[in-house]
Amino acid sequence: MADKTFHLQIISPTRIFFDGDVDMVEMKTTEGEIGVLAGHIPLTAILQPGILRIKQPDGKKEAALHDGFVEIRKDKVTVLAESCEWPDEIDVHRAEEARERAERRIKSGRKEVDMLRAELALKKALTRINLADRK
């Protein structure tokens, strides 16, 4: 099975982020990390912020994936993402500022702070920083 390819399409509200044949794709779901090869059982899952890894015959690509859904079929995987960024598209300074703001909101302990939203913002910022640091 590992020598077969399948079609991967990643769509965000602003663009078709990726559209091509791949050997494997890895991403983070609410249930944990998942790796998909050709012929995978059909599955739909909710995605969490994390690093998306795409393996093709000519190499590996990584991107920051922020929330969404994935639909896995035997010959095609479709990701509907809130946003997705290649490493060279990440503004590290902006991501660091977002991390600091999210950490301040979480540490404040104020009742009016939406903790789930602050934690999600922190996860997104850390994903961006982690990916940019790998460059």
Protein backbone atom coordinates (compact mmCIF):
# COMPACT_ATOMS: atom_id res chain seq x y z
CA MET A 1 0.00 0.00 0.00
CA ALA A 2 2.80 2.45 0.84
CA ASP A 3 4.01 2.58 -2.78
CA LYS A 4 0.68 4.00 -4.02
CA THR A 5 -0.25 7.64 -4.17
CA PHE A 6 -3.56 9.35 -3.59
CA HIS A 7 -4.97 12.80 -4.27
CA LEU A 8 -4.73 15.41 -1.51
CA GLN A 9 -6.63 18.67 -1.66
CA ILE A 10 -6.36 21.31 1.08
CA ILE A 11 -8.86 24.13 0.83
CA SER A 12 -9.01 27.25 2.99
CA PRO A 13 -11.51 30.12 2.74
CA THR A 14 -8.99 32.21 0.76
CA ARG A 15 -7.36 29.67 -1.58
CA ILE A 16 -6.70 26.13 -2.64
CA PHE A 17 -3.63 25.61 -0.50
CA PHE A 18 -2.52 22.27 -1.99
CA ASP A 19 -3.82 20.09 -4.80
CA GLY A 20 -1.77 17.10 -5.89
CA ASP A 21 -0.84 13.46 -5.54
CA VAL A 22 1.01 12.38 -2.40
CA ASP A 23 2.44 9.24 -0.78
CA MET A 24 1.34 10.16 2.73
CA VAL A 25 -0.12 12.98 4.79
CA GLU A 26 0.07 13.43 8.57
CA MET A 27 -2.00 15.83 10.67
CA LYS A 28 -3.32 16.42 14.16
CA THR A 29 -6.95 15.57 14.93
CA THR A 30 -8.95 15.92 18.13
CA GLU A 31 -8.24 12.21 18.66
CA GLY A 32 -4.47 12.54 18.13
CA GLU A 33 -2.00 12.42 15.26
CA ILE A 34 -3.08 10.58 12.11
CA GLY A 35 -1.08 9.36 9.14
CA VAL A 36 -2.88 8.54 5.91
CA LEU A 37 -1.67 6.27 3.12
CA ALA A 38 -3.45 5.24 -0.08
CA GLY A 39 -6.33 2.86 0.59
CA HIS A 40 -7.01 4.22 4.09
CA ILE A 41 -10.42 3.35 5.49
CA PRO A 42 -13.02 6.10 4.98
CA LEU A 43 -12.99 8.54 7.88
CA THR A 44 -14.05 12.06 8.78
CA ALA A 45 -12.25 13.86 11.60
CA ILE A 46 -11.98 17.26 13.26
CA LEU A 47 -8.55 18.87 12.98
CA GLN A 48 -6.63 20.80 15.61
CA PRO A 49 -3.79 23.28 15.15
CA GLY A 50 -0.63 21.42 14.31
CA ILE A 51 2.02 20.76 11.71
CA LEU A 52 0.77 19.11 8.54
CA ARG A 53 3.32 16.84 6.86
CA ILE A 54 3.02 15.97 3.17
CA LYS A 55 5.24 13.24 1.73
CA GLN A 56 5.70 13.05 -2.04
CA PRO A 57 8.14 11.07 -4.18
CA ASP A 58 10.29 14.20 -4.57
CA GLY A 59 10.44 15.09 -0.88
CA LYS A 60 8.58 16.29 2.18
CA LYS A 61 6.67 19.52 2.82
CA GLU A 62 5.39 20.92 6.10
CA ALA A 63 2.76 23.55 6.81
CA ALA A 64 0.98 25.08 9.79
CA LEU A 65 -2.62 23.85 9.77
CA HIS A 66 -5.16 25.66 11.92
CA ASP A 67 -8.42 23.87 12.61
CA GLY A 68 -10.77 22.30 10.14
CA PHE A 69 -12.08 18.96 9.00
CA VAL A 70 -10.62 16.11 7.00
CA GLU A 71 -12.53 13.65 4.83
CA ILE A 72 -10.55 10.53 3.98
CA ARG A 73 -11.57 8.24 1.14
CA LYS A 74 -9.61 5.38 -0.42
CA ASP A 75 -8.24 7.50 -3.28
CA LYS A 76 -8.67 11.09 -2.06
CA VAL A 77 -8.19 13.15 1.09
CA THR A 78 -9.88 16.53 1.38
CA VAL A 79 -8.92 18.98 4.12
CA LEU A 80 -11.17 21.96 4.77
CA ALA A 81 -8.94 24.22 6.83
CA GLU A 82 -9.61 27.46 8.68
CA SER A 83 -6.14 28.46 7.47
CA CYS A 84 -2.94 26.82 6.35
CA GLU A 85 0.51 28.39 5.92
CA TRP A 86 3.84 27.36 4.43
CA PRO A 87 6.86 28.17 6.64
CA ASP A 88 7.93 31.12 4.46
CA GLU A 89 4.46 32.69 4.87
CA ILE A 90 4.72 32.85 8.66
CA ASP A 91 5.45 36.20 10.30
CA VAL A 92 7.40 35.01 13.36
CA HIS A 93 7.27 38.39 15.09
CA ARG A 94 3.47 38.46 14.78
CA ALA A 95 3.25 34.85 16.02
CA GLU A 96 5.39 35.71 19.06
CA GLU A 97 3.12 38.67 19.86
CA ALA A 98 0.04 36.42 19.54
CA ARG A 99 1.66 33.89 21.88
CA GLU A 100 2.38 36.58 24.48
CA ARG A 101 -1.19 37.96 24.29
CA ALA A 102 -2.70 34.49 24.65
CA GLU A 103 -0.45 33.64 27.61
CA ARG A 104 -1.37 36.93 29.35
CA ARG A 105 -5.09 36.23 28.87
CA ILE A 106 -4.73 32.70 30.24
CA LYS A 107 -2.64 33.79 33.25
CA SER A 108 -4.98 36.67 34.09
CA GLY A 109 -7.63 34.30 35.45
CA ARG A 110 -10.30 36.92 34.77
CA LYS A 111 -13.82 35.57 34.38
CA GLU A 112 -14.50 37.62 31.25
CA VAL A 113 -11.64 35.89 29.40
CA ASP A 114 -12.80 33.15 27.06
CA MET A 115 -10.25 30.51 28.10
CA LEU A 116 -11.02 28.12 25.22
CA ARG A 117 -10.44 30.89 22.70
CA ALA A 118 -7.23 31.97 24.46
CA GLU A 119 -5.93 28.38 24.53
CA LEU A 120 -6.73 27.95 20.83
CA ALA A 121 -4.91 31.20 20.01
CA LEU A 122 -1.92 29.93 21.99
CA LYS A 123 -1.91 26.60 20.11
CA LYS A 124 -2.01 28.40 16.75
CA ALA A 125 0.81 30.75 17.71
CA LEU A 126 2.98 27.89 19.00
CA THR A 127 2.34 25.88 15.82
CA ARG A 128 3.49 28.82 13.70
CA ILE A 129 6.57 29.43 15.86
CA ASN A 130 7.49 25.73 15.91
CA LEU A 131 7.25 25.42 12.12
CA ALA A 132 9.12 28.65 11.46
CA ASP A 133 11.92 27.53 13.81
CA ARG A 134 12.43 24.40 11.70
CA LYS A 135 13.32 26.45 8.62
